[in-house]
């Protein structure tokens, strides 16, 4: 029993202090107009830079709903490229400028991830 408890305590401690990879998934907008569908196909093919080009055009759309969706999509691409600050800026823009609630939810996820990454660099 002492050995089992010791092993469990050691494993729990090691999990807290050592970095490890986790897989996360993100949902991006694919509906709205033809550019969103083209961007989806490019993203599905792994061409994230091509999808970003298309969705960046849509961030200037006259329709606020579409522009907000495009901002969330661009934020996801920035996260994929490892630019958390850029992703937070785009997610913030989606919520602040276009009242996209998905942008606010995603911004909270990014802030949490940024805080964890900062904690990891301090260790």
PDB file of N, CA and C in Angstrom:
ATOM      1  N   UNK A   1       0.823  -1.193   0.000  1.00  0.00           N
ATOM      2  CA  UNK A   1       0.000   0.000   0.000  1.00  0.00           C
ATOM      3  C   UNK A   1       0.869   1.260   0.000  1.00  0.00           C
ATOM      4  N   UNK A   2       1.974   1.220   0.763  1.00  0.00           N
ATOM      5  CA  UNK A   2       2.873   2.379   0.816  1.00  0.00           C
ATOM      6  C   UNK A   2       3.499   2.615  -0.548  1.00  0.00           C
ATOM      7  N   UNK A   3       3.858   1.558  -1.235  1.00  0.00           N
ATOM      8  CA  UNK A   3       4.461   1.692  -2.565  1.00  0.00           C
ATOM      9  C   UNK A   3       3.465   2.276  -3.566  1.00  0.00           C
ATOM     10  N   UNK A   4       2.213   1.848  -3.505  1.00  0.00           N
ATOM     11  CA  UNK A   4       1.186   2.375  -4.412  1.00  0.00           C
ATOM     12  C   UNK A   4       0.945   3.856  -4.174  1.00  0.00           C
ATOM     13  N   UNK A   5       0.830   4.246  -2.919  1.00  0.00           N
ATOM     14  CA  UNK A   5       0.608   5.652  -2.590  1.00  0.00           C
ATOM     15  C   UNK A   5       1.805   6.484  -3.033  1.00  0.00           C
ATOM     16  N   UNK A   6       3.016   5.984  -2.796  1.00  0.00           N
ATOM     17  CA  UNK A   6       4.228   6.714  -3.194  1.00  0.00           C
ATOM     18  C   UNK A   6       4.291   6.886  -4.703  1.00  0.00           C
ATOM     19  N   UNK A   7       3.968   5.845  -5.435  1.00  0.00           N
ATOM     20  CA  UNK A   7       3.985   5.909  -6.899  1.00  0.00           C
ATOM     21  C   UNK A   7       2.955   6.922  -7.402  1.00  0.00           C
ATOM     22  N   UNK A   8       1.764   6.911  -6.838  1.00  0.00           N
ATOM     23  CA  UNK A   8       0.716   7.847  -7.248  1.00  0.00           C
ATOM     24  C   UNK A   8       1.094   9.285  -6.922  1.00  0.00           C
ATOM     25  N   UNK A   9       1.658   9.517  -5.750  1.00  0.00           N
ATOM     26  CA  UNK A   9       2.094  10.868  -5.379  1.00  0.00           C
ATOM     27  C   UNK A   9       3.209  11.357  -6.301  1.00  0.00           C
ATOM     28  N   UNK A  10       4.156  10.491  -6.594  1.00  0.00           N
ATOM     29  CA  UNK A  10       5.253  10.862  -7.496  1.00  0.00           C
ATOM     30  C   UNK A  10       4.755  11.174  -8.892  1.00  0.00           C
ATOM     31  N   UNK A  11       3.820  10.390  -9.393  1.00  0.00           N
ATOM     32  CA  UNK A  11       3.263  10.632 -10.727  1.00  0.00           C
ATOM     33  C   UNK A  11       2.499  11.942 -10.774  1.00  0.00           C
ATOM     34  N   UNK A  12       1.713  12.207  -9.732  1.00  0.00           N
ATOM     35  CA  UNK A  12       0.938  13.450  -9.688  1.00  0.00           C
ATOM     36  C   UNK A  12       1.874  14.658  -9.655  1.00  0.00           C
ATOM     37  N   UNK A  13       2.946  14.566  -8.881  1.00  0.00           N
ATOM     38  CA  UNK A  13       3.891  15.677  -8.790  1.00  0.00           C
ATOM     39  C   UNK A  13       4.609  15.885 -10.126  1.00  0.00           C
ATOM     40  N   UNK A  14       5.031  14.809 -10.749  1.00  0.00           N
ATOM     41  CA  UNK A  14       5.731  14.915 -12.037  1.00  0.00           C
ATOM     42  C   UNK A  14       4.827  15.514 -13.105  1.00  0.00           C
ATOM     43  N   UNK A  15       3.565  15.185 -13.095  1.00  0.00           N
ATOM     44  CA  UNK A  15       2.626  15.728 -14.070  1.00  0.00           C
ATOM     45  C   UNK A  15       2.456  17.231 -13.900  1.00  0.00           C
ATOM     46  N   UNK A  16       2.520  17.709 -12.660  1.00  0.00           N
ATOM     47  CA  UNK A  16       2.361  19.136 -12.405  1.00  0.00           C
ATOM     48  C   UNK A  16       3.570  19.944 -12.836  1.00  0.00           C
ATOM     49  N   UNK A  17       4.770  19.391 -12.718  1.00  0.00           N
ATOM     50  CA  UNK A  17       5.965  20.204 -12.956  1.00  0.00           C
ATOM     51  C   UNK A  17       6.622  19.980 -14.309  1.00  0.00           C
ATOM     52  N   UNK A  18       6.308  18.908 -14.998  1.00  0.00           N
ATOM     53  CA  UNK A  18       6.963  18.656 -16.278  1.00  0.00           C
ATOM     54  C   UNK A  18       6.019  18.988 -17.423  1.00  0.00           C
ATOM     55  N   UNK A  19       6.555  19.594 -18.488  1.00  0.00           N
ATOM     56  CA  UNK A  19       5.696  19.920 -19.639  1.00  0.00           C
ATOM     57  C   UNK A  19       5.298  18.651 -20.396  1.00  0.00           C
ATOM     58  N   UNK A  20       4.131  18.694 -20.979  1.00  0.00           N
ATOM     59  CA  UNK A  20       3.662  17.583 -21.786  1.00  0.00           C
ATOM     60  C   UNK A  20       2.754  18.120 -22.879  1.00  0.00           C
ATOM     61  N   UNK A  21       2.651  17.382 -23.952  1.00  0.00           N
ATOM     62  CA  UNK A  21       1.845  17.800 -25.088  1.00  0.00           C
ATOM     63  C   UNK A  21       0.412  17.359 -24.889  1.00  0.00           C
ATOM     64  N   UNK A  22      -0.506  18.241 -25.251  1.00  0.00           N
ATOM     65  CA  UNK A  22      -1.917  17.879 -25.302  1.00  0.00           C
ATOM     66  C   UNK A  22      -2.454  18.320 -26.657  1.00  0.00           C
ATOM     67  N   UNK A  23      -3.387  17.591 -27.165  1.00  0.00           N
ATOM     68  CA  UNK A  23      -4.002  17.926 -28.444  1.00  0.00           C
ATOM     69  C   UNK A  23      -5.288  18.700 -28.163  1.00  0.00           C
ATOM     70  N   UNK A  24      -5.430  19.821 -28.841  1.00  0.00           N
ATOM     71  CA  UNK A  24      -6.645  20.622 -28.702  1.00  0.00           C
ATOM     72  C   UNK A  24      -7.301  20.750 -30.064  1.00  0.00           C
ATOM     73  N   UNK A  25      -8.574  21.026 -30.054  1.00  0.00           N
ATOM     74  CA  UNK A  25      -9.271  21.253 -31.322  1.00  0.00           C
ATOM     75  C   UNK A  25      -9.920  22.630 -31.276  1.00  0.00           C
ATOM     76  N   UNK A  26     -10.009  23.240 -32.414  1.00  0.00           N
ATOM     77  CA  UNK A  26     -10.636  24.546 -32.555  1.00  0.00           C
ATOM     78  C   UNK A  26     -11.682  24.460 -33.656  1.00  0.00           C
ATOM     79  N   UNK A  27     -12.782  25.129 -33.452  1.00  0.00           N
ATOM     80  CA  UNK A  27     -13.841  25.178 -34.443  1.00  0.00           C
ATOM     81  C   UNK A  27     -13.827  26.557 -35.086  1.00  0.00           C
ATOM     82  N   UNK A  28     -13.792  26.578 -36.404  1.00  0.00           N
ATOM     83  CA  UNK A  28     -13.783  27.853 -37.117  1.00  0.00           C
ATOM     84  C   UNK A  28     -15.026  27.938 -37.999  1.00  0.00           C
ATOM     85  N   UNK A  29     -15.334  29.172 -38.391  1.00  0.00           N
ATOM     86  CA  UNK A  29     -16.540  29.420 -39.171  1.00  0.00           C
ATOM     87  C   UNK A  29     -16.320  29.047 -40.631  1.00  0.00           C
ATOM     88  N   UNK A  30     -17.302  28.355 -41.210  1.00  0.00           N
ATOM     89  CA  UNK A  30     -17.205  27.938 -42.604  1.00  0.00           C
ATOM     90  C   UNK A  30     -18.374  28.444 -43.437  1.00  0.00           C
ATOM     91  N   UNK A  31     -19.384  28.981 -42.794  1.00  0.00           N
ATOM     92  CA  UNK A  31     -20.556  29.478 -43.515  1.00  0.00           C
ATOM     93  C   UNK A  31     -20.585  30.998 -43.493  1.00  0.00           C
ATOM     94  N   UNK A  32     -21.178  31.570 -44.480  1.00  0.00           N
ATOM     95  CA  UNK A  32     -21.321  33.018 -44.550  1.00  0.00           C
ATOM     96  C   UNK A  32     -21.379  33.468 -45.994  1.00  0.00           C
ATOM     97  N   UNK A  33     -20.327  33.152 -46.727  1.00  0.00           N
ATOM     98  CA  UNK A  33     -20.296  33.436 -48.161  1.00  0.00           C
ATOM     99  C   UNK A  33     -19.299  32.485 -48.812  1.00  0.00           C
ATOM    100  N   UNK A  34     -19.059  32.682 -50.087  1.00  0.00           N
ATOM    101  CA  UNK A  34     -18.188  31.777 -50.832  1.00  0.00           C
ATOM    102  C   UNK A  34     -16.754  31.788 -50.321  1.00  0.00           C
ATOM    103  N   UNK A  35     -16.270  32.933 -49.859  1.00  0.00           N
ATOM    104  CA  UNK A  35     -14.895  33.000 -49.361  1.00  0.00           C
ATOM    105  C   UNK A  35     -14.689  32.133 -48.129  1.00  0.00           C
ATOM    106  N   UNK A  36     -15.693  32.021 -47.288  1.00  0.00           N
ATOM    107  CA  UNK A  36     -15.570  31.153 -46.122  1.00  0.00           C
ATOM    108  C   UNK A  36     -15.453  29.694 -46.552  1.00  0.00           C
ATOM    109  N   UNK A  37     -16.183  29.326 -47.596  1.00  0.00           N
ATOM    110  CA  UNK A  37     -16.121  27.952 -48.087  1.00  0.00           C
ATOM    111  C   UNK A  37     -14.770  27.660 -48.738  1.00  0.00           C
ATOM    112  N   UNK A  38     -14.247  28.628 -49.481  1.00  0.00           N
ATOM    113  CA  UNK A  38     -12.923  28.457 -50.092  1.00  0.00           C
ATOM    114  C   UNK A  38     -11.865  28.349 -48.996  1.00  0.00           C
ATOM    115  N   UNK A  39     -11.968  29.217 -47.988  1.00  0.00           N
ATOM    116  CA  UNK A  39     -11.031  29.162 -46.870  1.00  0.00           C
ATOM    117  C   UNK A  39     -11.087  27.834 -46.147  1.00  0.00           C
ATOM    118  N   UNK A  40     -12.289  27.281 -45.994  1.00  0.00           N
ATOM    119  CA  UNK A  40     -12.440  25.973 -45.355  1.00  0.00           C
ATOM    120  C   UNK A  40     -11.723  24.889 -46.153  1.00  0.00           C
ATOM    121  N   UNK A  41     -11.894  24.917 -47.469  1.00  0.00           N
ATOM    122  CA  UNK A  41     -11.236  23.900 -48.295  1.00  0.00           C
ATOM    123  C   UNK A  41      -9.716  24.023 -48.200  1.00  0.00           C
ATOM    124  N   UNK A  42      -9.229  25.271 -48.170  1.00  0.00           N
ATOM    125  CA  UNK A  42      -7.786  25.463 -48.037  1.00  0.00           C
ATOM    126  C   UNK A  42      -7.297  24.971 -46.680  1.00  0.00           C
ATOM    127  N   UNK A  43      -8.053  25.261 -45.630  1.00  0.00           N
ATOM    128  CA  UNK A  43      -7.674  24.802 -44.286  1.00  0.00           C
ATOM    129  C   UNK A  43      -7.711  23.279 -44.212  1.00  0.00           C
ATOM    130  N   UNK A  44      -8.727  22.672 -44.810  1.00  0.00           N
ATOM    131  CA  UNK A  44      -8.816  21.207 -44.826  1.00  0.00           C
ATOM    132  C   UNK A  44      -7.623  20.579 -45.522  1.00  0.00           C
ATOM    133  N   UNK A  45      -7.104  21.269 -46.540  1.00  0.00           N
ATOM    134  CA  UNK A  45      -5.948  20.769 -47.285  1.00  0.00           C
ATOM    135  C   UNK A  45      -4.625  21.086 -46.571  1.00  0.00           C
ATOM    136  N   UNK A  46      -4.700  21.807 -45.448  1.00  0.00           N
ATOM    137  CA  UNK A  46      -3.487  22.153 -44.717  1.00  0.00           C
ATOM    138  C   UNK A  46      -2.843  23.438 -45.174  1.00  0.00           C
ATOM    139  N   UNK A  47      -3.476  24.155 -46.085  1.00  0.00           N
ATOM    140  CA  UNK A  47      -2.958  25.420 -46.594  1.00  0.00           C
ATOM    141  C   UNK A  47      -3.505  26.560 -45.732  1.00  0.00           C
ATOM    142  N   UNK A  48      -2.985  26.683 -44.509  1.00  0.00           N
ATOM    143  CA  UNK A  48      -3.482  27.672 -43.566  1.00  0.00           C
ATOM    144  C   UNK A  48      -3.152  29.087 -44.019  1.00  0.00           C
ATOM    145  N   UNK A  49      -2.015  29.267 -44.692  1.00  0.00           N
ATOM    146  CA  UNK A  49      -1.669  30.605 -45.187  1.00  0.00           C
ATOM    147  C   UNK A  49      -2.645  31.058 -46.269  1.00  0.00           C
ATOM    148  N   UNK A  50      -3.043  30.136 -47.131  1.00  0.00           N
ATOM    149  CA  UNK A  50      -4.032  30.460 -48.161  1.00  0.00           C
ATOM    150  C   UNK A  50      -5.394  30.772 -47.555  1.00  0.00           C
ATOM    151  N   UNK A  51      -5.774  30.018 -46.529  1.00  0.00           N
ATOM    152  CA  UNK A  51      -7.040  30.285 -45.846  1.00  0.00           C
ATOM    153  C   UNK A  51      -6.985  31.649 -45.169  1.00  0.00           C
ATOM    154  N   UNK A  52      -5.834  31.980 -44.595  1.00  0.00           N
ATOM    155  CA  UNK A  52      -5.687  33.280 -43.938  1.00  0.00           C
ATOM    156  C   UNK A  52      -5.857  34.424 -44.929  1.00  0.00           C
ATOM    157  N   UNK A  53      -5.308  34.283 -46.130  1.00  0.00           N
ATOM    158  CA  UNK A  53      -5.466  35.320 -47.157  1.00  0.00           C
ATOM    159  C   UNK A  53      -6.943  35.587 -47.440  1.00  0.00           C
ATOM    160  N   UNK A  54      -7.684  34.519 -47.614  1.00  0.00           N
ATOM    161  CA  UNK A  54      -9.115  34.647 -47.928  1.00  0.00           C
ATOM    162  C   UNK A  54      -9.862  35.280 -46.757  1.00  0.00           C
ATOM    163  N   UNK A  55      -9.597  34.781 -45.552  1.00  0.00           N
ATOM    164  CA  UNK A  55     -10.343  35.268 -44.390  1.00  0.00           C
ATOM    165  C   UNK A  55      -9.928  36.680 -44.001  1.00  0.00           C
ATOM    166  N   UNK A  56      -8.698  37.062 -44.288  1.00  0.00           N
ATOM    167  CA  UNK A  56      -8.283  38.447 -44.029  1.00  0.00           C
ATOM    168  C   UNK A  56      -9.097  39.423 -44.879  1.00  0.00           C
ATOM    169  N   UNK A  57      -9.401  39.026 -46.111  1.00  0.00           N
ATOM    170  CA  UNK A  57     -10.241  39.866 -46.961  1.00  0.00           C
ATOM    171  C   UNK A  57     -11.615  40.068 -46.323  1.00  0.00           C
ATOM    172  N   UNK A  58     -12.115  39.022 -45.698  1.00  0.00           N
ATOM    173  CA  UNK A  58     -13.457  39.083 -45.109  1.00  0.00           C
ATOM    174  C   UNK A  58     -13.491  39.893 -43.812  1.00  0.00           C
ATOM    175  N   UNK A  59     -12.348  40.154 -43.198  1.00  0.00           N
ATOM    176  CA  UNK A  59     -12.356  40.985 -41.981  1.00  0.00           C
ATOM    177  C   UNK A  59     -12.762  42.415 -42.297  1.00  0.00           C
ATOM    178  N   UNK A  60     -12.708  42.790 -43.559  1.00  0.00           N
ATOM    179  CA  UNK A  60     -13.122  44.133 -43.991  1.00  0.00           C
ATOM    180  C   UNK A  60     -14.535  44.134 -44.584  1.00  0.00           C
ATOM    181  N   UNK A  61     -15.254  43.044 -44.447  1.00  0.00           N
ATOM    182  CA  UNK A  61     -16.601  42.923 -45.003  1.00  0.00           C
ATOM    183  C   UNK A  61     -17.537  43.958 -44.376  1.00  0.00           C
ATOM    184  N   UNK A  62     -18.432  44.504 -45.185  1.00  0.00           N
ATOM    185  CA  UNK A  62     -19.400  45.499 -44.702  1.00  0.00           C
ATOM    186  C   UNK A  62     -20.359  44.901 -43.682  1.00  0.00           C
ATOM    187  N   UNK A  63     -20.630  43.620 -43.812  1.00  0.00           N
ATOM    188  CA  UNK A  63     -21.523  42.948 -42.877  1.00  0.00           C
ATOM    189  C   UNK A  63     -20.724  42.571 -41.626  1.00  0.00           C
ATOM    190  N   UNK A  64     -21.099  43.151 -40.524  1.00  0.00           N
ATOM    191  CA  UNK A  64     -20.360  42.944 -39.277  1.00  0.00           C
ATOM    192  C   UNK A  64     -20.311  41.494 -38.836  1.00  0.00           C
ATOM    193  N   UNK A  65     -21.381  40.764 -39.084  1.00  0.00           N
ATOM    194  CA  UNK A  65     -21.418  39.357 -38.678  1.00  0.00           C
ATOM    195  C   UNK A  65     -20.329  38.557 -39.391  1.00  0.00           C
ATOM    196  N   UNK A  66     -20.179  38.787 -40.691  1.00  0.00           N
ATOM    197  CA  UNK A  66     -19.156  38.073 -41.458  1.00  0.00           C
ATOM    198  C   UNK A  66     -17.757  38.519 -41.075  1.00  0.00           C
ATOM    199  N   UNK A  67     -17.581  39.815 -40.848  1.00  0.00           N
ATOM    200  CA  UNK A  67     -16.267  40.321 -40.447  1.00  0.00           C
ATOM    201  C   UNK A  67     -15.857  39.749 -39.094  1.00  0.00           C
ATOM    202  N   UNK A  68     -16.798  39.636 -38.159  1.00  0.00           N
ATOM    203  CA  UNK A  68     -16.503  39.053 -36.851  1.00  0.00           C
ATOM    204  C   UNK A  68     -16.119  37.596 -36.951  1.00  0.00           C
ATOM    205  N   UNK A  69     -16.821  36.859 -37.799  1.00  0.00           N
ATOM    206  CA  UNK A  69     -16.475  35.449 -38.011  1.00  0.00           C
ATOM    207  C   UNK A  69     -15.078  35.321 -38.605  1.00  0.00           C
ATOM    208  N   UNK A  70     -14.771  36.174 -39.559  1.00  0.00           N
ATOM    209  CA  UNK A  70     -13.455  36.125 -40.193  1.00  0.00           C
ATOM    210  C   UNK A  70     -12.358  36.444 -39.172  1.00  0.00           C
ATOM    211  N   UNK A  71     -12.622  37.368 -38.275  1.00  0.00           N
ATOM    212  CA  UNK A  71     -11.635  37.703 -37.233  1.00  0.00           C
ATOM    213  C   UNK A  71     -11.347  36.500 -36.346  1.00  0.00           C
ATOM    214  N   UNK A  72     -12.369  35.746 -35.992  1.00  0.00           N
ATOM    215  CA  UNK A  72     -12.159  34.536 -35.184  1.00  0.00           C
ATOM    216  C   UNK A  72     -11.318  33.530 -35.958  1.00  0.00           C
ATOM    217  N   UNK A  73     -11.617  33.353 -37.239  1.00  0.00           N
ATOM    218  CA  UNK A  73     -10.853  32.412 -38.053  1.00  0.00           C
ATOM    219  C   UNK A  73      -9.386  32.821 -38.155  1.00  0.00           C
ATOM    220  N   UNK A  74      -9.133  34.108 -38.337  1.00  0.00           N
ATOM    221  CA  UNK A  74      -7.750  34.590 -38.429  1.00  0.00           C
ATOM    222  C   UNK A  74      -7.051  34.403 -37.084  1.00  0.00           C
ATOM    223  N   UNK A  75      -7.774  34.575 -35.988  1.00  0.00           N
ATOM    224  CA  UNK A  75      -7.192  34.347 -34.659  1.00  0.00           C
ATOM    225  C   UNK A  75      -6.733  32.899 -34.518  1.00  0.00           C
ATOM    226  N   UNK A  76      -7.531  31.978 -35.002  1.00  0.00           N
ATOM    227  CA  UNK A  76      -7.166  30.563 -34.927  1.00  0.00           C
ATOM    228  C   UNK A  76      -5.900  30.297 -35.726  1.00  0.00           C
ATOM    229  N   UNK A  77      -5.778  30.912 -36.881  1.00  0.00           N
ATOM    230  CA  UNK A  77      -4.579  30.717 -37.696  1.00  0.00           C
ATOM    231  C   UNK A  77      -3.354  31.267 -36.974  1.00  0.00           C
ATOM    232  N   UNK A  78      -3.493  32.401 -36.307  1.00  0.00           N
ATOM    233  CA  UNK A  78      -2.372  32.948 -35.549  1.00  0.00           C
ATOM    234  C   UNK A  78      -1.972  31.993 -34.419  1.00  0.00           C
ATOM    235  N   UNK A  79      -2.950  31.377 -33.781  1.00  0.00           N
ATOM    236  CA  UNK A  79      -2.619  30.405 -32.735  1.00  0.00           C
ATOM    237  C   UNK A  79      -1.887  29.207 -33.325  1.00  0.00           C
ATOM    238  N   UNK A  80      -2.322  28.748 -34.476  1.00  0.00           N
ATOM    239  CA  UNK A  80      -1.665  27.617 -35.135  1.00  0.00           C
ATOM    240  C   UNK A  80      -0.202  27.936 -35.407  1.00  0.00           C
ATOM    241  N   UNK A  81       0.067  29.179 -35.800  1.00  0.00           N
ATOM    242  CA  UNK A  81       1.445  29.596 -36.090  1.00  0.00           C
ATOM    243  C   UNK A  81       2.233  29.930 -34.829  1.00  0.00           C
ATOM    244  N   UNK A  82       1.616  29.823 -33.648  1.00  0.00           N
ATOM    245  CA  UNK A  82       2.313  30.060 -32.391  1.00  0.00           C
ATOM    246  C   UNK A  82       2.305  31.505 -31.932  1.00  0.00           C
ATOM    247  N   UNK A  83       1.553  32.359 -32.583  1.00  0.00           N
ATOM    248  CA  UNK A  83       1.482  33.780 -32.231  1.00  0.00           C
ATOM    249  C   UNK A  83       0.260  34.012 -31.340  1.00  0.00           C
ATOM    250  N   UNK A  84       0.421  33.756 -30.033  1.00  0.00           N
ATOM    251  CA  UNK A  84      -0.707  33.885 -29.117  1.00  0.00           C
ATOM    252  C   UNK A  84      -1.158  35.332 -28.967  1.00  0.00           C
ATOM    253  N   UNK A  85      -0.214  36.282 -28.966  1.00  0.00           N
ATOM    254  CA  UNK A  85      -0.607  37.690 -28.849  1.00  0.00           C
ATOM    255  C   UNK A  85      -1.429  38.138 -30.045  1.00  0.00           C
ATOM    256  N   UNK A  86      -1.010  37.753 -31.231  1.00  0.00           N
ATOM    257  CA  UNK A  86      -1.774  38.076 -32.433  1.00  0.00           C
ATOM    258  C   UNK A  86      -3.151  37.432 -32.404  1.00  0.00           C
ATOM    259  N   UNK A  87      -3.212  36.185 -31.939  1.00  0.00           N
ATOM    260  CA  UNK A  87      -4.499  35.493 -31.838  1.00  0.00           C
ATOM    261  C   UNK A  87      -5.415  36.201 -30.853  1.00  0.00           C
ATOM    262  N   UNK A  88      -4.854  36.652 -29.733  1.00  0.00           N
ATOM    263  CA  UNK A  88      -5.674  37.364 -28.747  1.00  0.00           C
ATOM    264  C   UNK A  88      -6.166  38.698 -29.311  1.00  0.00           C
ATOM    265  N   UNK A  89      -5.326  39.365 -30.092  1.00  0.00           N
ATOM    266  CA  UNK A  89      -5.749  40.631 -30.708  1.00  0.00           C
ATOM    267  C   UNK A  89      -6.922  40.418 -31.658  1.00  0.00           C
ATOM    268  N   UNK A  90      -6.857  39.391 -32.492  1.00  0.00           N
ATOM    269  CA  UNK A  90      -7.929  39.125 -33.450  1.00  0.00           C
ATOM    270  C   UNK A  90      -9.201  38.666 -32.750  1.00  0.00           C
ATOM    271  N   UNK A  91      -9.059  37.822 -31.725  1.00  0.00           N
ATOM    272  CA  UNK A  91     -10.245  37.366 -30.994  1.00  0.00           C
ATOM    273  C   UNK A  91     -10.898  38.539 -30.262  1.00  0.00           C
ATOM    274  N   UNK A  92     -10.072  39.416 -29.723  1.00  0.00           N
ATOM    275  CA  UNK A  92     -10.581  40.607 -29.046  1.00  0.00           C
ATOM    276  C   UNK A  92     -11.320  41.508 -30.028  1.00  0.00           C
ATOM    277  N   UNK A  93     -10.749  41.664 -31.219  1.00  0.00           N
ATOM    278  CA  UNK A  93     -11.396  42.490 -32.244  1.00  0.00           C
ATOM    279  C   UNK A  93     -12.749  41.905 -32.637  1.00  0.00           C
ATOM    280  N   UNK A  94     -12.814  40.575 -32.734  1.00  0.00           N
ATOM    281  CA  UNK A  94     -14.078  39.927 -33.100  1.00  0.00           C
ATOM    282  C   UNK A  94     -15.165  40.257 -32.095  1.00  0.00           C
ATOM    283  N   UNK A  95     -14.814  40.249 -30.814  1.00  0.00           N
ATOM    284  CA  UNK A  95     -15.828  40.536 -29.799  1.00  0.00           C
ATOM    285  C   UNK A  95     -16.092  42.029 -29.668  1.00  0.00           C
ATOM    286  N   UNK A  96     -15.029  42.821 -29.538  1.00  0.00           N
ATOM    287  CA  UNK A  96     -15.185  44.248 -29.274  1.00  0.00           C
ATOM    288  C   UNK A  96     -15.829  44.991 -30.446  1.00  0.00           C
ATOM    289  N   UNK A  97     -15.363  44.725 -31.658  1.00  0.00           N
ATOM    290  CA  UNK A  97     -15.841  45.474 -32.817  1.00  0.00           C
ATOM    291  C   UNK A  97     -17.110  44.894 -33.438  1.00  0.00           C
ATOM    292  N   UNK A  98     -17.282  43.561 -33.341  1.00  0.00           N
ATOM    293  CA  UNK A  98     -18.384  42.927 -34.058  1.00  0.00           C
ATOM    294  C   UNK A  98     -19.326  42.134 -33.149  1.00  0.00           C
ATOM    295  N   UNK A  99     -19.124  42.202 -31.832  1.00  0.00           N
ATOM    296  CA  UNK A  99     -19.998  41.557 -30.854  1.00  0.00           C
ATOM    297  C   UNK A  99     -20.144  40.057 -31.114  1.00  0.00           C
ATOM    298  N   UNK A 100     -19.041  39.409 -31.505  1.00  0.00           N
ATOM    299  CA  UNK A 100     -19.043  37.983 -31.764  1.00  0.00           C
ATOM    300  C   UNK A 100     -18.705  37.270 -30.450  1.00  0.00           C
ATOM    301  N   UNK A 101     -19.687  36.599 -29.871  1.00  0.00           N
ATOM    302  CA  UNK A 101     -19.484  35.961 -28.569  1.00  0.00           C
ATOM    303  C   UNK A 101     -18.476  34.817 -28.634  1.00  0.00           C
ATOM    304  N   UNK A 102     -18.345  34.183 -29.780  1.00  0.00           N
ATOM    305  CA  UNK A 102     -17.331  33.151 -29.941  1.00  0.00           C
ATOM    306  C   UNK A 102     -15.939  33.748 -29.763  1.00  0.00           C
ATOM    307  N   UNK A 103     -15.770  34.988 -30.220  1.00  0.00           N
ATOM    308  CA  UNK A 103     -14.495  35.674 -30.037  1.00  0.00           C
ATOM    309  C   UNK A 103     -14.148  35.843 -28.573  1.00  0.00           C
ATOM    310  N   UNK A 104     -15.139  36.163 -27.735  1.00  0.00           N
ATOM    311  CA  UNK A 104     -14.897  36.317 -26.298  1.00  0.00           C
ATOM    312  C   UNK A 104     -14.547  34.982 -25.662  1.00  0.00           C
ATOM    313  N   UNK A 105     -15.267  33.941 -26.009  1.00  0.00           N
ATOM    314  CA  UNK A 105     -14.968  32.608 -25.472  1.00  0.00           C
ATOM    315  C   UNK A 105     -13.559  32.176 -25.861  1.00  0.00           C
ATOM    316  N   UNK A 106     -13.208  32.412 -27.108  1.00  0.00           N
ATOM    317  CA  UNK A 106     -11.885  32.037 -27.599  1.00  0.00           C
ATOM    318  C   UNK A 106     -10.803  32.882 -26.938  1.00  0.00           C
ATOM    319  N   UNK A 107     -11.083  34.154 -26.687  1.00  0.00           N
ATOM    320  CA  UNK A 107     -10.131  35.027 -26.013  1.00  0.00           C
ATOM    321  C   UNK A 107      -9.823  34.502 -24.612  1.00  0.00           C
ATOM    322  N   UNK A 108     -10.828  34.008 -23.917  1.00  0.00           N
ATOM    323  CA  UNK A 108     -10.606  33.434 -22.585  1.00  0.00           C
ATOM    324  C   UNK A 108      -9.712  32.198 -22.663  1.00  0.00           C
ATOM    325  N   UNK A 109      -9.930  31.367 -23.658  1.00  0.00           N
ATOM    326  CA  UNK A 109      -9.092  30.179 -23.853  1.00  0.00           C
ATOM    327  C   UNK A 109      -7.651  30.600 -24.121  1.00  0.00           C
ATOM    328  N   UNK A 110      -7.470  31.605 -24.969  1.00  0.00           N
ATOM    329  CA  UNK A 110      -6.122  32.065 -25.308  1.00  0.00           C
ATOM    330  C   UNK A 110      -5.421  32.687 -24.110  1.00  0.00           C
ATOM    331  N   UNK A 111      -6.144  33.454 -23.303  1.00  0.00           N
ATOM    332  CA  UNK A 111      -5.532  34.040 -22.106  1.00  0.00           C
ATOM    333  C   UNK A 111      -5.075  32.945 -21.146  1.00  0.00           C
ATOM    334  N   UNK A 112      -5.893  31.939 -20.972  1.00  0.00           N
ATOM    335  CA  UNK A 112      -5.530  30.818 -20.111  1.00  0.00           C
ATOM    336  C   UNK A 112      -4.284  30.115 -20.645  1.00  0.00           C
ATOM    337  N   UNK A 113      -4.261  29.905 -21.942  1.00  0.00           N
ATOM    338  CA  UNK A 113      -3.108  29.242 -22.555  1.00  0.00           C
ATOM    339  C   UNK A 113      -1.856  30.100 -22.416  1.00  0.00           C
ATOM    340  N   UNK A 114      -1.992  31.402 -22.585  1.00  0.00           N
ATOM    341  CA  UNK A 114      -0.862  32.314 -22.447  1.00  0.00           C
ATOM    342  C   UNK A 114      -0.336  32.310 -21.014  1.00  0.00           C
ATOM    343  N   UNK A 115      -1.238  32.301 -20.038  1.00  0.00           N
ATOM    344  CA  UNK A 115      -0.826  32.248 -18.632  1.00  0.00           C
ATOM    345  C   UNK A 115      -0.087  30.960 -18.313  1.00  0.00           C
ATOM    346  N   UNK A 116      -0.573  29.855 -18.847  1.00  0.00           N
ATOM    347  CA  UNK A 116       0.101  28.569 -18.623  1.00  0.00           C
ATOM    348  C   UNK A 116       1.485  28.544 -19.276  1.00  0.00           C
ATOM    349  N   UNK A 117       1.576  29.127 -20.453  1.00  0.00           N
ATOM    350  CA  UNK A 117       2.862  29.147 -21.137  1.00  0.00           C
ATOM    351  C   UNK A 117       3.853  30.030 -20.379  1.00  0.00           C
ATOM    352  N   UNK A 118       3.378  31.138 -19.834  1.00  0.00           N
ATOM    353  CA  UNK A 118       4.232  32.016 -19.039  1.00  0.00           C
ATOM    354  C   UNK A 118       4.709  31.302 -17.778  1.00  0.00           C
ATOM    355  N   UNK A 119       3.821  30.550 -17.146  1.00  0.00           N
ATOM    356  CA  UNK A 119       4.191  29.769 -15.964  1.00  0.00           C
ATOM    357  C   UNK A 119       5.235  28.726 -16.319  1.00  0.00           C
ATOM    358  N   UNK A 120       5.105  28.132 -17.480  1.00  0.00           N
ATOM    359  CA  UNK A 120       6.057  27.115 -17.923  1.00  0.00           C
ATOM    360  C   UNK A 120       7.441  27.721 -18.129  1.00  0.00           C
ATOM    361  N   UNK A 121       7.513  28.919 -18.676  1.00  0.00           N
ATOM    362  CA  UNK A 121       8.835  29.542 -18.902  1.00  0.00           C
ATOM    363  C   UNK A 121       9.479  29.967 -17.592  1.00  0.00           C
ATOM    364  N   UNK A 122       8.682  30.193 -16.547  1.00  0.00           N
ATOM    365  CA  UNK A 122       9.239  30.577 -15.260  1.00  0.00           C
ATOM    366  C   UNK A 122       9.813  29.382 -14.495  1.00  0.00           C
ATOM    367  N   UNK A 123       9.430  28.186 -14.862  1.00  0.00           N
ATOM    368  CA  UNK A 123       9.907  26.995 -14.145  1.00  0.00           C
ATOM    369  C   UNK A 123      11.330  26.657 -14.509  1.00  0.00           C
TER     370      UNK A 123
END
